[in-house]
Amino acid sequence: MTGHDERSVDRTDTRSAVELIDRLMLCGARSAARLTAFERDRILAGVYWRLYGDRIESTLVCSVCSRPFELVFSLRDMVARSTPVMTPAGDGTYSTSEGLHFRLPTGEDELSVLDLPAEEAVRELLRRCVLAPATFDAAAVQDAMEKAAPILDVDINTSCAECGAPVSVRFDLQSYLLQSIIQDRRRLWRETHVLAAAYRWSLDEIMSLTRADRGSLVAMIEADAARRMVV
């Protein structure tokens, strides 16, 4: 990921996730909009691992005692637990013993309903993806889709570290990753300033560096500055 890629992220919605993946897929692969949410989540998990490592850390505030506490868990463990329990047919569609036949919604489907009210958007997605029967139970379809391709958007049940009260929090990897990149904007500009001051490079030259290379160069510049101060 380069500085240009980081700067492109300014929202946490599906469109932003699709645009980011498209920027990172440099091998002429299919557009990220044609990926399912399951496939998109696995790519975003890989991006998170590359940028931040395996740990997910968040500060929560207990609704009972009003004191903050830390929630920490492994993203790899979450991905490992979110495994499909249904096998697709050769054409990528799924069927259940109850006669339900469906495909998974893609990013294109999600983007097409992005501006609709939530309930209407769900109905339209199901209308697009259920191939048979003509009438169906929406809850049963959503349950089958979750079994076929579980996404990393789940309720995490934990307890307050201070008073022990039960706490439930929603974790959505897509929003969490994109928000983390947005919150890193201050770091991006600080590193850009350090490199511009040291090397007189243009903004485009600096933004073309990968995040890892940019960080390594800044670390060397700051280490040299620290040594000069000691001398």
C-alpha atoms as a PDB file:
ATOM      1  CA  MET A   1       0.000   0.000   0.000  1.00  0.00           C
ATOM      2  CA  THR A   2       1.366   3.390  -1.012  1.00  0.00           C
ATOM      3  CA  GLY A   3       0.592   6.826   0.350  1.00  0.00           C
ATOM      4  CA  HIS A   4      -1.671   7.387  -2.657  1.00  0.00           C
ATOM      5  CA  ASP A   5      -3.667   4.308  -1.644  1.00  0.00           C
ATOM      6  CA  GLU A   6      -3.927   5.492   1.964  1.00  0.00           C
ATOM      7  CA  ARG A   7      -5.071   8.973   0.894  1.00  0.00           C
ATOM      8  CA  SER A   8      -7.803   7.452  -1.284  1.00  0.00           C
ATOM      9  CA  VAL A   9      -9.614   6.078   1.777  1.00  0.00           C
ATOM     10  CA  ASP A  10     -12.010   8.642   3.230  1.00  0.00           C
ATOM     11  CA  ARG A  11     -15.083   6.533   4.085  1.00  0.00           C
ATOM     12  CA  THR A  12     -15.799   3.118   5.590  1.00  0.00           C
ATOM     13  CA  ASP A  13     -18.541   1.929   3.242  1.00  0.00           C
ATOM     14  CA  THR A  14     -18.544  -0.851   0.655  1.00  0.00           C
ATOM     15  CA  ARG A  15     -17.702   1.502  -2.201  1.00  0.00           C
ATOM     16  CA  SER A  16     -14.513   2.602  -0.423  1.00  0.00           C
ATOM     17  CA  ALA A  17     -13.544  -1.022   0.260  1.00  0.00           C
ATOM     18  CA  VAL A  18     -14.087  -1.970  -3.382  1.00  0.00           C
ATOM     19  CA  GLU A  19     -12.094   1.032  -4.615  1.00  0.00           C
ATOM     20  CA  LEU A  20      -9.194   0.240  -2.267  1.00  0.00           C
ATOM     21  CA  ILE A  21      -9.025  -3.410  -3.330  1.00  0.00           C
ATOM     22  CA  ASP A  22      -9.122  -2.348  -6.983  1.00  0.00           C
ATOM     23  CA  ARG A  23      -6.143  -0.065  -6.337  1.00  0.00           C
ATOM     24  CA  LEU A  24      -4.202  -2.914  -4.708  1.00  0.00           C
ATOM     25  CA  MET A  25      -4.990  -5.605  -7.290  1.00  0.00           C
ATOM     26  CA  LEU A  26      -2.253  -4.808  -9.784  1.00  0.00           C
ATOM     27  CA  CYS A  27      -2.243  -8.066 -11.751  1.00  0.00           C
ATOM     28  CA  GLY A  28      -5.202  -7.384 -14.023  1.00  0.00           C
ATOM     29  CA  ALA A  29      -7.558  -9.511 -11.928  1.00  0.00           C
ATOM     30  CA  ARG A  30     -11.317  -9.090 -12.035  1.00  0.00           C
ATOM     31  CA  SER A  31     -12.802  -5.964 -10.513  1.00  0.00           C
ATOM     32  CA  ALA A  32     -13.319  -6.075  -6.755  1.00  0.00           C
ATOM     33  CA  ALA A  33     -16.983  -5.216  -7.351  1.00  0.00           C
ATOM     34  CA  ARG A  34     -17.432  -8.734  -8.720  1.00  0.00           C
ATOM     35  CA  LEU A  35     -16.180 -10.317  -5.501  1.00  0.00           C
ATOM     36  CA  THR A  36     -18.596 -11.563  -2.868  1.00  0.00           C
ATOM     37  CA  ALA A  37     -18.521 -10.039   0.605  1.00  0.00           C
ATOM     38  CA  PHE A  38     -16.876 -13.265   1.822  1.00  0.00           C
ATOM     39  CA  GLU A  39     -14.057 -12.923  -0.724  1.00  0.00           C
ATOM     40  CA  ARG A  40     -13.709  -9.196  -0.090  1.00  0.00           C
ATOM     41  CA  ASP A  41     -13.430  -9.731   3.666  1.00  0.00           C
ATOM     42  CA  ARG A  42     -10.610 -12.244   3.244  1.00  0.00           C
ATOM     43  CA  ILE A  43      -8.653  -9.774   1.121  1.00  0.00           C
ATOM     44  CA  LEU A  44      -9.260  -7.002   3.669  1.00  0.00           C
ATOM     45  CA  ALA A  45      -8.109  -9.343   6.441  1.00  0.00           C
ATOM     46  CA  GLY A  46      -4.855  -9.819   4.506  1.00  0.00           C
ATOM     47  CA  VAL A  47      -4.483  -6.043   4.164  1.00  0.00           C
ATOM     48  CA  TYR A  48      -5.029  -5.616   7.906  1.00  0.00           C
ATOM     49  CA  TRP A  49      -2.427  -8.287   8.736  1.00  0.00           C
ATOM     50  CA  ARG A  50       0.086  -6.603   6.439  1.00  0.00           C
ATOM     51  CA  LEU A  51      -0.481  -3.148   7.939  1.00  0.00           C
ATOM     52  CA  TYR A  52      -1.202  -3.817  11.598  1.00  0.00           C
ATOM     53  CA  GLY A  53      -0.527  -7.459  12.438  1.00  0.00           C
ATOM     54  CA  ASP A  54      -2.891 -10.025  13.895  1.00  0.00           C
ATOM     55  CA  ARG A  55      -4.175  -8.248  17.015  1.00  0.00           C
ATOM     56  CA  ILE A  56      -7.437  -6.298  17.052  1.00  0.00           C
ATOM     57  CA  GLU A  57      -7.501  -3.830  19.939  1.00  0.00           C
ATOM     58  CA  SER A  58     -10.321  -1.507  20.911  1.00  0.00           C
ATOM     59  CA  THR A  59     -11.308   0.499  23.983  1.00  0.00           C
ATOM     60  CA  LEU A  60     -14.909  -0.009  25.105  1.00  0.00           C
ATOM     61  CA  VAL A  61     -16.921   1.824  27.752  1.00  0.00           C
ATOM     62  CA  CYS A  62     -19.071  -0.303  30.047  1.00  0.00           C
ATOM     63  CA  SER A  63     -22.740   0.744  30.054  1.00  0.00           C
ATOM     64  CA  VAL A  64     -23.078  -0.377  33.683  1.00  0.00           C
ATOM     65  CA  CYS A  65     -20.047   1.122  35.467  1.00  0.00           C
ATOM     66  CA  SER A  66     -19.111   3.656  32.739  1.00  0.00           C
ATOM     67  CA  ARG A  67     -15.454   2.694  32.976  1.00  0.00           C
ATOM     68  CA  PRO A  68     -13.287   1.964  29.912  1.00  0.00           C
ATOM     69  CA  PHE A  69     -11.733  -1.445  29.307  1.00  0.00           C
ATOM     70  CA  GLU A  70      -9.728  -3.035  26.506  1.00  0.00           C
ATOM     71  CA  LEU A  71     -11.025  -5.627  24.046  1.00  0.00           C
ATOM     72  CA  VAL A  72      -8.218  -7.608  22.404  1.00  0.00           C
ATOM     73  CA  PHE A  73      -8.534 -10.629  20.113  1.00  0.00           C
ATOM     74  CA  SER A  74      -6.826 -12.388  17.203  1.00  0.00           C
ATOM     75  CA  LEU A  75      -8.055 -11.655  13.700  1.00  0.00           C
ATOM     76  CA  ARG A  76      -6.546 -14.928  12.455  1.00  0.00           C
ATOM     77  CA  ASP A  77      -8.583 -16.840  15.039  1.00  0.00           C
ATOM     78  CA  MET A  78     -11.743 -15.040  13.940  1.00  0.00           C
ATOM     79  CA  VAL A  79     -11.066 -15.855  10.279  1.00  0.00           C
ATOM     80  CA  ALA A  80     -10.350 -19.498  11.157  1.00  0.00           C
ATOM     81  CA  ARG A  81     -13.679 -19.761  12.985  1.00  0.00           C
ATOM     82  CA  SER A  82     -15.598 -18.176  10.089  1.00  0.00           C
ATOM     83  CA  THR A  83     -15.470 -21.142   7.727  1.00  0.00           C
ATOM     84  CA  PRO A  84     -18.213 -22.069   5.237  1.00  0.00           C
ATOM     85  CA  VAL A  85     -20.331 -25.137   5.992  1.00  0.00           C
ATOM     86  CA  MET A  86     -21.907 -25.353   2.530  1.00  0.00           C
ATOM     87  CA  THR A  87     -20.273 -26.318  -0.768  1.00  0.00           C
ATOM     88  CA  PRO A  88     -21.167 -24.473  -3.979  1.00  0.00           C
ATOM     89  CA  ALA A  89     -22.155 -26.177  -7.196  1.00  0.00           C
ATOM     90  CA  GLY A  90     -19.924 -25.949 -10.254  1.00  0.00           C
ATOM     91  CA  ASP A  91     -21.569 -22.685 -11.319  1.00  0.00           C
ATOM     92  CA  GLY A  92     -20.959 -21.107  -7.911  1.00  0.00           C
ATOM     93  CA  THR A  93     -24.563 -21.279  -6.745  1.00  0.00           C
ATOM     94  CA  TYR A  94     -25.867 -22.984  -3.610  1.00  0.00           C
ATOM     95  CA  SER A  95     -28.835 -25.253  -2.886  1.00  0.00           C
ATOM     96  CA  THR A  96     -30.401 -26.434   0.369  1.00  0.00           C
ATOM     97  CA  SER A  97     -32.389 -29.564   1.150  1.00  0.00           C
ATOM     98  CA  GLU A  98     -35.475 -27.349   1.519  1.00  0.00           C
ATOM     99  CA  GLY A  99     -35.308 -26.424  -2.181  1.00  0.00           C
ATOM    100  CA  LEU A 100     -33.706 -23.022  -1.810  1.00  0.00           C
ATOM    101  CA  HIS A 101     -31.378 -22.153  -4.704  1.00  0.00           C
ATOM    102  CA  PHE A 102     -29.327 -18.965  -4.528  1.00  0.00           C
ATOM    103  CA  ARG A 103     -26.097 -17.179  -5.379  1.00  0.00           C
ATOM    104  CA  LEU A 104     -24.096 -14.912  -3.107  1.00  0.00           C
ATOM    105  CA  PRO A 105     -24.422 -11.136  -3.549  1.00  0.00           C
ATOM    106  CA  THR A 106     -21.417  -9.408  -5.061  1.00  0.00           C
ATOM    107  CA  GLY A 107     -20.076  -5.936  -4.524  1.00  0.00           C
ATOM    108  CA  GLU A 108     -21.975  -4.870  -7.637  1.00  0.00           C
ATOM    109  CA  ASP A 109     -25.201  -5.992  -5.978  1.00  0.00           C
ATOM    110  CA  GLU A 110     -24.354  -4.161  -2.760  1.00  0.00           C
ATOM    111  CA  LEU A 111     -23.390  -0.955  -4.556  1.00  0.00           C
ATOM    112  CA  SER A 112     -26.654  -0.994  -6.511  1.00  0.00           C
ATOM    113  CA  VAL A 113     -28.699  -0.819  -3.279  1.00  0.00           C
ATOM    114  CA  LEU A 114     -26.354   1.413  -1.284  1.00  0.00           C
ATOM    115  CA  ASP A 115     -28.710   4.410  -1.358  1.00  0.00           C
ATOM    116  CA  LEU A 116     -31.857   2.465  -0.447  1.00  0.00           C
ATOM    117  CA  PRO A 117     -33.322   2.284   3.080  1.00  0.00           C
ATOM    118  CA  ALA A 118     -31.890  -0.716   4.969  1.00  0.00           C
ATOM    119  CA  GLU A 119     -34.951  -2.976   4.804  1.00  0.00           C
ATOM    120  CA  GLU A 120     -35.576  -2.202   1.140  1.00  0.00           C
ATOM    121  CA  ALA A 121     -31.914  -2.815   0.335  1.00  0.00           C
ATOM    122  CA  VAL A 122     -32.067  -6.285   1.934  1.00  0.00           C
ATOM    123  CA  ARG A 123     -35.223  -7.166  -0.007  1.00  0.00           C
ATOM    124  CA  GLU A 124     -33.650  -6.073  -3.286  1.00  0.00           C
ATOM    125  CA  LEU A 125     -30.444  -8.028  -2.611  1.00  0.00           C
ATOM    126  CA  LEU A 126     -32.424 -11.188  -1.895  1.00  0.00           C
ATOM    127  CA  ARG A 127     -34.588 -10.650  -4.985  1.00  0.00           C
ATOM    128  CA  ARG A 128     -31.428 -10.509  -7.091  1.00  0.00           C
ATOM    129  CA  CYS A 129     -29.763 -13.534  -5.514  1.00  0.00           C
ATOM    130  CA  VAL A 130     -32.530 -16.075  -4.862  1.00  0.00           C
ATOM    131  CA  LEU A 131     -32.917 -18.203  -7.982  1.00  0.00           C
ATOM    132  CA  ALA A 132     -35.678 -20.459  -6.642  1.00  0.00           C
ATOM    133  CA  PRO A 133     -38.355 -20.641  -5.365  1.00  0.00           C
ATOM    134  CA  ALA A 134     -40.255 -17.537  -6.449  1.00  0.00           C
ATOM    135  CA  THR A 135     -41.447 -16.915  -2.881  1.00  0.00           C
ATOM    136  CA  PHE A 136     -39.115 -17.480   0.054  1.00  0.00           C
ATOM    137  CA  ASP A 137     -38.490 -16.712   3.705  1.00  0.00           C
ATOM    138  CA  ALA A 138     -35.964 -13.882   3.922  1.00  0.00           C
ATOM    139  CA  ALA A 139     -34.577 -15.007   7.290  1.00  0.00           C
ATOM    140  CA  ALA A 140     -34.004 -18.538   5.963  1.00  0.00           C
ATOM    141  CA  VAL A 141     -32.140 -17.175   2.931  1.00  0.00           C
ATOM    142  CA  GLN A 142     -29.920 -14.937   5.062  1.00  0.00           C
ATOM    143  CA  ASP A 143     -29.166 -17.865   7.382  1.00  0.00           C
ATOM    144  CA  ALA A 144     -28.214 -20.058   4.411  1.00  0.00           C
ATOM    145  CA  MET A 145     -25.985 -17.318   2.965  1.00  0.00           C
ATOM    146  CA  GLU A 146     -24.221 -16.949   6.313  1.00  0.00           C
ATOM    147  CA  LYS A 147     -23.530 -20.697   6.353  1.00  0.00           C
ATOM    148  CA  ALA A 148     -22.306 -20.614   2.759  1.00  0.00           C
ATOM    149  CA  ALA A 149     -20.005 -17.623   3.189  1.00  0.00           C
ATOM    150  CA  PRO A 150     -19.715 -16.140   6.691  1.00  0.00           C
ATOM    151  CA  ILE A 151     -18.511 -12.549   6.673  1.00  0.00           C
ATOM    152  CA  LEU A 152     -16.407 -10.848   9.331  1.00  0.00           C
ATOM    153  CA  ASP A 153     -19.269  -8.739  10.665  1.00  0.00           C
ATOM    154  CA  VAL A 154     -20.216 -10.316  13.973  1.00  0.00           C
ATOM    155  CA  ASP A 155     -21.385  -9.642  17.527  1.00  0.00           C
ATOM    156  CA  ILE A 156     -18.624 -10.253  20.077  1.00  0.00           C
ATOM    157  CA  ASN A 157     -19.799 -11.137  23.567  1.00  0.00           C
ATOM    158  CA  THR A 158     -17.382 -10.218  26.333  1.00  0.00           C
ATOM    159  CA  SER A 159     -17.509  -8.792  29.856  1.00  0.00           C
ATOM    160  CA  CYS A 160     -16.327  -5.602  31.491  1.00  0.00           C
ATOM    161  CA  ALA A 161     -12.873  -6.049  32.989  1.00  0.00           C
ATOM    162  CA  GLU A 162     -13.818  -3.672  35.819  1.00  0.00           C
ATOM    163  CA  CYS A 163     -17.240  -4.829  37.038  1.00  0.00           C
ATOM    164  CA  GLY A 164     -17.811  -8.082  35.112  1.00  0.00           C
ATOM    165  CA  ALA A 165     -21.012  -6.926  33.416  1.00  0.00           C
ATOM    166  CA  PRO A 166     -21.754  -8.655  30.091  1.00  0.00           C
ATOM    167  CA  VAL A 167     -20.972  -6.538  27.032  1.00  0.00           C
ATOM    168  CA  SER A 168     -21.867  -7.178  23.399  1.00  0.00           C
ATOM    169  CA  VAL A 169     -20.117  -5.214  20.652  1.00  0.00           C
ATOM    170  CA  ARG A 170     -20.466  -5.366  16.877  1.00  0.00           C
ATOM    171  CA  PHE A 171     -17.223  -5.904  14.969  1.00  0.00           C
ATOM    172  CA  ASP A 172     -17.154  -5.252  11.227  1.00  0.00           C
ATOM    173  CA  LEU A 173     -13.700  -5.849   9.729  1.00  0.00           C
ATOM    174  CA  GLN A 174     -14.345  -3.686   6.678  1.00  0.00           C
ATOM    175  CA  SER A 175     -15.284  -0.627   8.748  1.00  0.00           C
ATOM    176  CA  TYR A 176     -12.557  -1.292  11.317  1.00  0.00           C
ATOM    177  CA  LEU A 177      -9.779  -1.514   8.722  1.00  0.00           C
ATOM    178  CA  LEU A 178     -10.880   1.513   6.719  1.00  0.00           C
ATOM    179  CA  GLN A 179     -11.359   3.584   9.872  1.00  0.00           C
ATOM    180  CA  SER A 180      -7.872   2.576  11.026  1.00  0.00           C
ATOM    181  CA  ILE A 181      -6.402   3.811   7.728  1.00  0.00           C
ATOM    182  CA  ILE A 182      -8.317   7.090   8.038  1.00  0.00           C
ATOM    183  CA  GLN A 183      -7.097   7.561  11.619  1.00  0.00           C
ATOM    184  CA  ASP A 184      -3.524   7.005  10.402  1.00  0.00           C
ATOM    185  CA  ARG A 185      -3.769  10.125   8.201  1.00  0.00           C
ATOM    186  CA  ARG A 186      -1.875  12.166  10.804  1.00  0.00           C
ATOM    187  CA  ARG A 187       0.964   9.631  10.690  1.00  0.00           C
ATOM    188  CA  LEU A 188       0.981   9.781   6.878  1.00  0.00           C
ATOM    189  CA  TRP A 189       1.360  13.567   6.871  1.00  0.00           C
ATOM    190  CA  ARG A 190       4.015  13.522   9.607  1.00  0.00           C
ATOM    191  CA  GLU A 191       6.124  11.014   7.676  1.00  0.00           C
ATOM    192  CA  THR A 192       5.578  12.985   4.477  1.00  0.00           C
ATOM    193  CA  HIS A 193       6.813  16.148   6.193  1.00  0.00           C
ATOM    194  CA  VAL A 194       9.937  14.392   7.534  1.00  0.00           C
ATOM    195  CA  LEU A 195      10.842  12.998   4.103  1.00  0.00           C
ATOM    196  CA  ALA A 196      10.137  16.271   2.299  1.00  0.00           C
ATOM    197  CA  ALA A 197      12.302  18.198   4.768  1.00  0.00           C
ATOM    198  CA  ALA A 198      15.164  15.685   4.587  1.00  0.00           C
ATOM    199  CA  TYR A 199      15.256  14.789   0.896  1.00  0.00           C
ATOM    200  CA  ARG A 200      13.336  17.633  -0.803  1.00  0.00           C
ATOM    201  CA  TRP A 201      11.212  15.082  -2.635  1.00  0.00           C
ATOM    202  CA  SER A 202       7.900  16.107  -4.193  1.00  0.00           C
ATOM    203  CA  LEU A 203       4.575  15.074  -2.685  1.00  0.00           C
ATOM    204  CA  ASP A 204       3.958  12.645  -5.543  1.00  0.00           C
ATOM    205  CA  GLU A 205       7.376  11.003  -5.059  1.00  0.00           C
ATOM    206  CA  ILE A 206       6.729  10.499  -1.359  1.00  0.00           C
ATOM    207  CA  MET A 207       3.158   9.274  -1.836  1.00  0.00           C
ATOM    208  CA  SER A 208       4.419   6.742  -4.385  1.00  0.00           C
ATOM    209  CA  LEU A 209       6.470   5.018  -1.686  1.00  0.00           C
ATOM    210  CA  THR A 210       5.000   1.995   0.019  1.00  0.00           C
ATOM    211  CA  ARG A 211       3.952   2.452   3.626  1.00  0.00           C
ATOM    212  CA  ALA A 212       6.770   0.113   4.742  1.00  0.00           C
ATOM    213  CA  ASP A 213       9.480   1.940   2.752  1.00  0.00           C
ATOM    214  CA  ARG A 214       8.238   5.314   3.941  1.00  0.00           C
ATOM    215  CA  GLY A 215       8.365   4.186   7.559  1.00  0.00           C
ATOM    216  CA  SER A 216      11.853   2.705   7.170  1.00  0.00           C
ATOM    217  CA  LEU A 217      13.248   5.911   5.676  1.00  0.00           C
ATOM    218  CA  VAL A 218      11.679   8.058   8.384  1.00  0.00           C
ATOM    219  CA  ALA A 219      13.144   5.768  11.060  1.00  0.00           C
ATOM    220  CA  MET A 220      16.641   6.173   9.555  1.00  0.00           C
ATOM    221  CA  ILE A 221      16.271   9.961   9.321  1.00  0.00           C
ATOM    222  CA  GLU A 222      15.144  10.185  12.947  1.00  0.00           C
ATOM    223  CA  ALA A 223      17.911   7.815  14.115  1.00  0.00           C
ATOM    224  CA  ASP A 224      20.536   9.979  12.376  1.00  0.00           C
ATOM    225  CA  ALA A 225      19.061  13.094  13.987  1.00  0.00           C
ATOM    226  CA  ALA A 226      19.162  11.444  17.421  1.00  0.00           C
ATOM    227  CA  ARG A 227      22.826  10.477  16.974  1.00  0.00           C
ATOM    228  CA  ARG A 228      23.769  14.032  15.996  1.00  0.00           C
ATOM    229  CA  MET A 229      22.076  15.367  19.117  1.00  0.00           C
ATOM    230  CA  VAL A 230      24.107  12.978  21.304  1.00  0.00           C
ATOM    231  CA  VAL A 231      27.369  14.032  19.653  1.00  0.00           C
END
